[in-house]
Amino acid sequence: MARSPFTLAAAVTAALPGAEVVGARSLTADGDGRFDSAVITLADGRELAIRVGDDDETSRELASESIALRALTTGARAILPFRVPEYLGETRLADGRALVTELLPGFQIEATHVPRGRGAAASMGAAIAAVHALPASVVRSAGLSARSAEEVRAEIGRLVDRAAATGRVPARLTVRWREAVQDDELWRFESAVTLGGVKATSFLFEDDPERGPEVVGLLDWHGLSLGDPAVDLAWLSSAPDAAGDVHATYAESSGRAPDAALAVRARMLAELEFARWLVHGDAMHREDIVDDAAALLDALAEGLRENDLTVIAARGEGVDSALDALDHVPATASTGINTSMQTDAYSPGDLLPEESFSADTGDVADARVKDADATEDLTDVVESGLIPSDETPSQADPADEAQRAARAALHRWTNSSSE
């Protein structure tokens, strides 16, 4: 049963001796039900966030975030053009781990509602590039995971083999992924500091009167590591409208050597989220999870074009409709395969027919945006084959249209506080 904000307020006084709590309220964006969480107000006016994980998976995630936030020294934070929550303390609450951090202001948006053009999309690309520009010493000095391109490649190969061994992966996907693993050109990248799988809702925005929505904070640091930069761009498979602009701004803002295969690996990692979900269900002997994952993989395979059996052949093409569910595949318990693709909530109802939805697979995020009716420039989506060309909305000046879309989306986005 979820703990009340007042119970969590008591835990804050244990984590921060001497703290004078004067208020408590629910945290509106609380990890999609995976954590008990609350916003705590102190006598000096500061607002804190507390999250409690009751199982091994969520407790490990909070422990990892605790290490990552403390690894971000004052010097490292000064490099970033946005704020990162400050680690304040932690304690035990019954059998769970409780983490207390600074509360950051800002609003969030789900991937499918990120508009293209200047504003949100451009700011997100620049923010990801800033994370990847952090010195490797931030990760190494904290003893966090560090993997080379070959190690990442080997891990992906093992994941594909584990998923295929269940007998529930369509053959065309197995072939597609194995051919990609064997493609040397795909794995020639320089490891970077990554968040290990950023989500659209990891970004906190404020609205600039001139430039539109801009990233002012970044959450979800529990996957901080040294590895493939593509892992933090995989979420773009769920954001077809904004993907091109995020990638373009990332490339412009990055001081790293060009990586021609970056978008391809990001696409592959997005697809492999479903394979990781399958492997997790198989390891836990959960037939419901296995069936859900298998249905997602079947839908993904059906969405591929007849001649599109490899990631190499998919270069430059749009995402499959099955990937619309990507942002809702959960983080899973360790199964011996760590690809650092750590996402949050999973709702198979977003992809599968209503009657096949399992109620115990996860809750929908409180901060979910319900509608999206802004007119946006869909040229890239049309060219990718996702929608017919005769359904393209009429377009004015692309920059002005993109800004209007960003402004319209802003008014629909749910205001929420950070975790």
Protein backbone atom coordinates (compact mmCIF):
# COMPACT_ATOMS: atom_id res chain seq x y z
CA MET A 1 0.00 0.00 0.00
CA ALA A 2 1.29 3.47 -0.87
CA ARG A 3 2.63 5.44 2.06
CA SER A 4 1.13 8.82 2.84
CA PRO A 5 3.19 12.02 2.35
CA PHE A 6 3.18 12.46 6.13
CA THR A 7 4.81 9.05 6.65
CA LEU A 8 7.45 10.00 4.10
CA ALA A 9 7.95 13.35 5.85
CA ALA A 10 8.92 11.45 8.98
CA ALA A 11 11.51 9.54 6.93
CA VAL A 12 13.02 12.86 5.80
CA THR A 13 13.75 13.79 9.43
CA ALA A 14 15.58 10.47 9.79
CA ALA A 15 17.61 11.09 6.62
CA LEU A 16 18.29 14.74 7.51
CA PRO A 17 18.69 15.10 11.28
CA GLY A 18 17.60 18.55 12.39
CA ALA A 19 15.39 19.17 9.36
CA GLU A 20 12.23 21.08 10.31
CA VAL A 21 9.38 19.82 8.15
CA VAL A 22 6.40 22.14 7.80
CA GLY A 23 4.54 20.58 4.89
CA ALA A 24 4.12 17.50 2.72
CA ARG A 25 2.24 16.72 -0.46
CA SER A 26 2.12 14.03 -3.10
CA LEU A 27 4.71 14.06 -5.87
CA THR A 28 2.78 14.26 -9.12
CA ALA A 29 5.43 12.54 -11.25
CA ASP A 30 6.44 9.68 -9.04
CA GLY A 31 8.03 7.08 -11.30
CA ASP A 32 4.71 5.69 -12.56
CA GLY A 33 3.84 4.00 -9.32
CA ARG A 34 7.17 2.27 -8.89
CA PHE A 35 8.07 4.41 -5.87
CA ASP A 36 6.27 5.87 -2.90
CA SER A 37 7.15 9.55 -3.20
CA ALA A 38 6.34 12.98 -1.82
CA VAL A 39 7.36 16.64 -1.85
CA ILE A 40 8.49 17.86 1.56
CA THR A 41 8.61 21.55 2.52
CA LEU A 42 11.11 22.71 5.15
CA ALA A 43 10.84 25.68 7.47
CA ASP A 44 13.46 27.59 5.45
CA GLY A 45 11.27 27.32 2.35
CA ARG A 46 13.24 24.61 0.56
CA GLU A 47 11.32 21.80 -1.14
CA LEU A 48 12.72 18.27 -1.22
CA ALA A 49 11.72 15.09 -3.00
CA ILE A 50 11.71 11.73 -1.24
CA ARG A 51 11.30 8.40 -2.99
CA VAL A 52 11.10 4.96 -1.41
CA GLY A 53 11.75 1.67 -3.21
CA ASP A 54 10.32 -1.45 -1.59
CA ASP A 55 11.68 -4.19 -3.86
CA ASP A 56 15.17 -5.16 -4.95
CA GLU A 57 14.87 -3.46 -8.33
CA THR A 58 13.72 -0.05 -7.11
CA SER A 59 16.10 -0.13 -4.15
CA ARG A 60 19.02 -0.82 -6.50
CA GLU A 61 17.89 2.05 -8.71
CA LEU A 62 17.83 4.48 -5.79
CA ALA A 63 21.23 3.24 -4.60
CA SER A 64 22.66 3.81 -8.08
CA GLU A 65 21.16 7.29 -8.26
CA SER A 66 22.63 8.12 -4.88
CA ILE A 67 26.11 7.22 -6.13
CA ALA A 68 25.63 9.06 -9.44
CA LEU A 69 24.40 12.31 -7.89
CA ARG A 70 27.32 12.37 -5.49
CA ALA A 71 29.72 11.66 -8.36
CA LEU A 72 28.61 14.89 -10.01
CA THR A 73 30.94 17.30 -8.27
CA THR A 74 30.54 21.07 -8.30
CA GLY A 75 33.00 21.22 -11.19
CA ALA A 76 31.09 18.62 -13.21
CA ARG A 77 27.78 20.36 -12.59
CA ALA A 78 29.28 23.67 -13.73
CA ILE A 79 29.89 22.13 -17.16
CA LEU A 80 26.21 21.34 -17.63
CA PRO A 81 23.84 24.03 -18.96
CA PHE A 82 21.00 22.78 -16.74
CA ARG A 83 20.46 21.75 -13.13
CA VAL A 84 20.82 18.29 -11.65
CA PRO A 85 19.15 17.34 -8.34
CA GLU A 86 21.42 17.56 -5.32
CA TYR A 87 21.83 14.47 -3.16
CA LEU A 88 20.72 15.34 0.38
CA GLY A 89 20.50 12.07 2.30
CA GLU A 90 19.02 8.60 2.57
CA THR A 91 17.64 6.21 5.14
CA ARG A 92 15.72 2.96 5.52
CA LEU A 93 11.95 2.87 5.79
CA ALA A 94 10.73 -0.56 6.86
CA ASP A 95 12.32 -2.85 4.23
CA GLY A 96 12.74 -0.08 1.66
CA ARG A 97 15.49 2.39 0.77
CA ALA A 98 14.54 6.08 0.92
CA LEU A 99 16.44 8.71 -1.07
CA VAL A 100 16.06 12.45 -0.43
CA THR A 101 17.07 14.93 -3.13
CA GLU A 102 16.56 18.54 -4.07
CA LEU A 103 13.28 19.21 -5.88
CA LEU A 104 13.76 20.88 -9.25
CA PRO A 105 11.04 23.02 -10.83
CA GLY A 106 9.87 22.59 -14.40
CA PHE A 107 7.35 20.82 -16.59
CA GLN A 108 7.69 17.53 -18.46
CA ILE A 109 6.44 16.12 -21.73
CA GLU A 110 6.07 12.61 -23.08
CA ALA A 111 8.02 11.58 -26.15
CA THR A 112 5.13 11.47 -28.62
CA HIS A 113 4.26 15.10 -27.82
CA VAL A 114 7.70 16.66 -28.33
CA PRO A 115 7.26 19.05 -31.29
CA ARG A 116 9.88 19.49 -33.98
CA GLY A 117 11.83 22.67 -34.57
CA ARG A 118 13.52 25.16 -32.32
CA GLY A 119 12.59 25.11 -28.67
CA ALA A 120 12.11 21.81 -26.88
CA ALA A 121 13.65 19.46 -29.46
CA ALA A 122 16.76 21.58 -30.02
CA SER A 123 17.23 22.10 -26.30
CA MET A 124 16.98 18.36 -25.64
CA GLY A 125 19.63 17.57 -28.23
CA ALA A 126 22.00 20.14 -26.73
CA ALA A 127 21.35 18.80 -23.21
CA ILE A 128 22.22 15.24 -24.20
CA ALA A 129 25.39 16.45 -25.92
CA ALA A 130 26.38 18.28 -22.72
CA VAL A 131 26.06 15.08 -20.67
CA HIS A 132 28.17 13.19 -23.20
CA ALA A 133 30.82 15.92 -22.98
CA LEU A 134 31.41 15.30 -19.27
CA PRO A 135 34.90 13.97 -18.50
CA ALA A 136 35.18 10.20 -18.14
CA SER A 137 36.74 10.74 -14.72
CA VAL A 138 33.24 11.54 -13.37
CA VAL A 139 32.30 7.91 -13.95
CA ARG A 140 35.63 6.25 -13.27
CA SER A 141 36.28 8.03 -9.96
CA ALA A 142 32.92 6.84 -8.64
CA GLY A 143 33.58 3.25 -9.66
CA LEU A 144 30.62 3.23 -12.05
CA SER A 145 30.29 0.96 -15.06
CA ALA A 146 32.55 1.66 -18.04
CA ARG A 147 32.28 -0.27 -21.32
CA SER A 148 34.15 -0.03 -24.59
CA ALA A 149 32.48 -0.32 -27.99
CA GLU A 150 33.48 -3.98 -28.22
CA GLU A 151 32.10 -4.71 -24.76
CA VAL A 152 28.80 -3.03 -25.65
CA ARG A 153 28.70 -5.03 -28.87
CA ALA A 154 29.32 -8.30 -27.03
CA GLU A 155 26.58 -7.53 -24.48
CA ILE A 156 24.12 -6.84 -27.28
CA GLY A 157 25.05 -10.13 -28.92
CA ARG A 158 24.41 -12.02 -25.68
CA LEU A 159 21.06 -10.30 -25.24
CA VAL A 160 19.98 -11.26 -28.77
CA ASP A 161 21.01 -14.87 -28.16
CA ARG A 162 19.18 -15.01 -24.82
CA ALA A 163 16.02 -13.59 -26.36
CA ALA A 164 16.19 -15.93 -29.37
CA ALA A 165 16.63 -18.92 -27.04
CA THR A 166 13.13 -18.34 -25.63
CA GLY A 167 11.66 -19.24 -28.99
CA ARG A 168 9.37 -16.19 -28.87
CA VAL A 169 11.31 -13.79 -31.10
CA PRO A 170 10.22 -13.64 -34.77
CA ALA A 171 12.94 -15.02 -37.00
CA ARG A 172 13.21 -11.85 -39.06
CA LEU A 173 14.05 -9.85 -35.91
CA THR A 174 16.68 -12.36 -34.83
CA VAL A 175 18.31 -12.17 -38.27
CA ARG A 176 18.06 -8.39 -38.30
CA TRP A 177 19.75 -7.98 -34.93
CA ARG A 178 22.45 -10.60 -35.50
CA GLU A 179 23.43 -9.07 -38.81
CA ALA A 180 23.65 -5.70 -37.09
CA VAL A 181 25.90 -7.13 -34.36
CA GLN A 182 28.17 -8.51 -37.06
CA ASP A 183 28.42 -5.16 -38.89
CA ASP A 184 31.81 -3.71 -37.89
CA GLU A 185 30.86 -0.25 -39.17
CA LEU A 186 28.07 -0.04 -36.63
CA TRP A 187 30.35 -0.40 -33.60
CA ARG A 188 33.09 2.11 -34.33
CA PHE A 189 32.24 4.66 -31.71
CA GLU A 190 33.98 6.42 -28.85
CA SER A 191 32.53 5.66 -25.42
CA ALA A 192 31.03 8.65 -23.60
CA VAL A 193 29.51 9.51 -20.25
CA THR A 194 25.83 8.62 -20.61
CA LEU A 195 22.72 8.50 -18.46
CA GLY A 196 22.29 4.90 -19.53
CA GLY A 197 18.94 5.47 -21.23
CA VAL A 198 17.38 8.91 -20.94
CA LYS A 199 13.59 9.28 -21.34
CA ALA A 200 11.63 12.24 -22.66
CA THR A 201 10.26 12.77 -19.16
CA SER A 202 13.80 12.99 -17.78
CA PHE A 203 13.90 16.59 -19.06
CA LEU A 204 12.47 19.52 -17.13
CA PHE A 205 11.50 22.62 -19.12
CA GLU A 206 10.81 26.27 -18.58
CA ASP A 207 9.36 28.55 -21.25
CA ASP A 208 11.59 31.26 -22.65
CA PRO A 209 9.56 34.10 -24.23
CA GLU A 210 11.91 34.30 -27.20
CA ARG A 211 13.29 30.80 -27.70
CA GLY A 212 10.38 28.71 -26.48
CA PRO A 213 10.65 25.72 -24.08
CA GLU A 214 14.20 25.09 -22.88
CA VAL A 215 15.71 22.35 -20.74
CA VAL A 216 16.48 23.64 -17.24
CA GLY A 217 16.88 20.36 -15.39
CA LEU A 218 17.59 16.69 -15.99
CA LEU A 219 16.45 13.71 -13.91
CA ASP A 220 17.08 9.93 -13.92
CA TRP A 221 20.81 9.68 -13.23
CA HIS A 222 20.74 6.13 -11.86
CA GLY A 223 22.17 4.69 -15.09
CA LEU A 224 25.22 7.01 -15.19
CA SER A 225 28.04 5.12 -16.87
CA LEU A 226 30.61 5.17 -19.65
CA GLY A 227 29.34 3.53 -22.81
CA ASP A 228 27.48 3.92 -26.10
CA PRO A 229 26.13 7.47 -26.68
CA ALA A 230 23.28 5.94 -28.70
CA VAL A 231 21.67 4.67 -25.49
CA ASP A 232 20.53 8.22 -24.63
CA LEU A 233 18.97 8.72 -28.06
CA ALA A 234 16.99 5.48 -28.26
CA TRP A 235 13.88 7.19 -26.87
CA LEU A 236 13.61 9.16 -30.11
CA SER A 237 12.03 6.11 -31.73
CA SER A 238 8.95 7.18 -29.77
CA ALA A 239 9.25 10.81 -30.90
CA PRO A 240 9.12 10.76 -34.72
CA ASP A 241 8.25 14.45 -35.05
CA ALA A 242 11.20 15.68 -33.00
CA ALA A 243 13.80 13.00 -33.75
CA GLY A 244 15.46 14.76 -36.68
CA ASP A 245 15.87 18.04 -34.83
CA VAL A 246 17.14 16.40 -31.65
CA HIS A 247 19.72 14.41 -33.63
CA ALA A 248 20.75 17.48 -35.63
CA THR A 249 21.20 19.71 -32.58
CA TYR A 250 23.03 16.91 -30.77
CA ALA A 251 25.49 16.65 -33.66
CA GLU A 252 25.96 20.43 -33.81
CA SER A 253 26.52 20.70 -30.05
CA SER A 254 28.78 17.70 -29.69
CA GLY A 255 32.52 18.14 -29.75
CA ARG A 256 32.97 14.45 -30.38
CA ALA A 257 34.05 12.79 -33.63
CA PRO A 258 31.12 12.27 -36.05
CA ASP A 259 29.36 8.93 -35.59
CA ALA A 260 27.54 8.01 -38.79
CA ALA A 261 25.92 4.96 -37.21
CA LEU A 262 24.65 6.72 -34.08
CA ALA A 263 20.99 6.88 -35.17
CA VAL A 264 21.09 3.27 -36.37
CA ARG A 265 22.34 1.96 -33.03
CA ALA A 266 19.79 4.10 -31.22
CA ARG A 267 17.05 2.52 -33.32
CA MET A 268 18.38 -0.96 -32.61
CA LEU A 269 18.60 -0.31 -28.87
CA ALA A 270 14.98 0.86 -28.92
CA GLU A 271 13.88 -2.39 -30.53
CA LEU A 272 15.95 -4.41 -28.07
CA GLU A 273 13.97 -2.97 -25.15
CA PHE A 274 11.26 -5.48 -26.07
CA ALA A 275 13.85 -8.27 -26.14
CA ARG A 276 15.07 -7.27 -22.67
CA TRP A 277 11.49 -7.34 -21.40
CA LEU A 278 11.11 -10.84 -22.86
CA VAL A 279 14.35 -12.06 -21.28
CA HIS A 280 13.28 -10.61 -17.94
CA GLY A 281 9.93 -12.40 -18.08
CA ASP A 282 11.60 -15.66 -19.03
CA ALA A 283 14.12 -15.39 -16.19
CA MET A 284 11.33 -14.64 -13.69
CA HIS A 285 9.15 -17.46 -15.06
CA ARG A 286 6.39 -14.93 -15.65
CA GLU A 287 4.29 -16.14 -18.56
CA ASP A 288 2.26 -12.93 -18.55
CA ILE A 289 5.38 -10.84 -19.13
CA VAL A 290 6.67 -13.27 -21.76
CA ASP A 291 3.35 -13.13 -23.61
CA ASP A 292 3.25 -9.32 -23.48
CA ALA A 293 6.83 -9.04 -24.75
CA ALA A 294 6.21 -11.61 -27.48
CA ALA A 295 3.16 -9.67 -28.68
CA LEU A 296 5.22 -6.47 -28.85
CA LEU A 297 7.93 -8.24 -30.82
CA ASP A 298 5.36 -9.71 -33.22
CA ALA A 299 3.94 -6.24 -33.81
CA LEU A 300 7.43 -4.86 -34.37
CA ALA A 301 8.26 -7.59 -36.88
CA GLU A 302 5.00 -7.06 -38.76
CA GLY A 303 5.77 -3.34 -39.07
CA LEU A 304 9.07 -3.94 -40.84
CA ARG A 305 9.18 -3.61 -44.58
CA GLU A 306 9.66 -6.80 -46.57
CA ASN A 307 13.22 -5.88 -47.58
CA ASP A 308 14.10 -4.37 -44.20
CA LEU A 309 15.67 -7.33 -42.40
CA THR A 310 18.74 -5.56 -41.05
CA VAL A 311 19.51 -2.40 -39.17
CA ILE A 312 21.86 -1.48 -41.99
CA ALA A 313 18.95 -1.46 -44.45
CA ALA A 314 16.94 0.73 -42.06
CA ARG A 315 19.35 3.66 -42.12
CA GLY A 316 17.48 6.87 -42.68
CA GLU A 317 14.04 5.26 -42.40
CA GLY A 318 11.29 6.05 -39.93
CA VAL A 319 10.29 4.14 -36.84
CA ASP A 320 7.75 1.35 -36.71
CA SER A 321 4.41 1.95 -35.05
CA ALA A 322 5.28 -0.75 -32.53
CA LEU A 323 7.94 1.54 -31.09
CA ASP A 324 5.24 3.90 -29.90
CA ALA A 325 5.19 1.71 -26.78
CA LEU A 326 8.93 2.09 -26.17
CA ASP A 327 8.62 4.78 -23.52
CA HIS A 328 6.52 2.42 -21.40
CA VAL A 329 8.81 -0.61 -21.19
CA PRO A 330 9.92 -0.88 -17.56
CA ALA A 331 13.34 -1.22 -16.05
CA THR A 332 13.80 -4.88 -15.29
CA ALA A 333 15.64 -6.83 -12.65
CA SER A 334 19.12 -7.97 -13.57
CA THR A 335 19.19 -11.02 -15.79
CA GLY A 336 22.90 -11.10 -16.42
CA ILE A 337 22.57 -8.89 -19.49
CA ASN A 338 23.23 -5.19 -18.94
CA THR A 339 22.77 -2.98 -21.96
CA SER A 340 22.16 0.10 -19.80
CA MET A 341 18.75 0.64 -21.41
CA GLN A 342 17.01 1.56 -18.18
CA THR A 343 13.53 2.93 -18.76
CA ASP A 344 10.58 3.38 -16.48
CA ALA A 345 6.92 2.55 -16.97
CA TYR A 346 5.40 0.06 -19.40
CA SER A 347 1.82 0.03 -20.62
CA PRO A 348 1.18 -2.70 -23.20
CA GLY A 349 -2.28 -1.21 -23.64
CA ASP A 350 -0.60 1.51 -25.71
CA LEU A 351 0.15 -1.10 -28.38
CA LEU A 352 -1.99 -4.19 -27.81
CA PRO A 353 -5.78 -4.54 -28.02
CA GLU A 354 -7.52 -3.59 -24.79
CA GLU A 355 -8.57 -7.15 -24.02
CA SER A 356 -4.94 -8.34 -24.00
CA PHE A 357 -3.75 -5.80 -21.44
CA SER A 358 -2.51 -7.23 -18.14
CA ALA A 359 -3.45 -4.97 -15.26
CA ASP A 360 -0.41 -5.84 -13.21
CA THR A 361 2.18 -4.72 -15.76
CA GLY A 362 2.41 -1.15 -14.55
CA ASP A 363 0.66 2.14 -13.97
CA VAL A 364 0.37 4.99 -16.39
CA ALA A 365 2.36 8.07 -15.39
CA ASP A 366 0.49 10.76 -13.51
CA ALA A 367 2.12 13.39 -15.68
CA ARG A 368 0.90 11.83 -18.93
CA VAL A 369 -0.30 14.29 -21.55
CA LYS A 370 -3.67 13.25 -22.94
CA ASP A 371 -4.08 15.18 -26.17
CA ALA A 372 -1.98 16.37 -29.08
CA ASP A 373 -3.76 18.46 -31.67
CA ALA A 374 -1.11 20.98 -32.72
CA THR A 375 -0.31 21.26 -36.41
CA GLU A 376 3.31 20.27 -36.92
CA ASP A 377 5.70 19.89 -39.82
CA LEU A 378 5.56 16.17 -40.62
CA THR A 379 7.79 16.15 -43.69
CA ASP A 380 10.32 13.70 -42.26
CA VAL A 381 7.57 11.36 -41.09
CA VAL A 382 5.95 11.36 -44.52
CA GLU A 383 9.27 10.69 -46.22
CA SER A 384 9.82 7.77 -43.87
CA GLY A 385 6.60 6.15 -45.06
CA LEU A 386 4.77 6.37 -41.74
CA ILE A 387 1.90 8.41 -43.21
CA PRO A 388 0.78 8.91 -46.82
CA SER A 389 1.97 12.06 -48.53
CA ASP A 390 -1.58 13.17 -49.26
CA GLU A 391 -2.21 13.48 -45.51
CA THR A 392 0.55 16.05 -44.98
CA PRO A 393 -0.77 19.27 -43.39
CA SER A 394 -0.24 22.47 -45.31
CA GLN A 395 2.90 24.22 -44.20
CA ALA A 396 3.93 27.84 -43.79
CA ASP A 397 7.47 28.94 -42.98
CA PRO A 398 9.03 25.86 -41.27
CA ALA A 399 10.68 27.82 -38.45
CA ASP A 400 7.50 29.78 -37.64
CA GLU A 401 5.36 26.65 -37.88
CA ALA A 402 7.68 24.75 -35.55
CA GLN A 403 7.64 27.57 -33.03
CA ARG A 404 3.83 27.73 -33.11
CA ALA A 405 3.70 23.96 -32.56
CA ALA A 406 6.05 24.23 -29.61
CA ARG A 407 3.99 27.05 -28.12
CA ALA A 408 0.72 25.14 -28.59
CA ALA A 409 2.22 22.03 -27.05
CA LEU A 410 3.45 24.04 -24.09
CA HIS A 411 -0.10 25.04 -23.17
CA ARG A 412 -1.17 21.39 -23.17
CA TRP A 413 1.73 19.97 -21.24
CA THR A 414 1.09 18.99 -17.67
CA ASN A 415 2.93 21.11 -15.13
CA SER A 416 4.74 18.87 -12.67
CA SER A 417 7.64 18.92 -10.25
CA SER A 418 10.73 16.77 -10.49
CA GLU A 419 11.35 13.52 -8.69
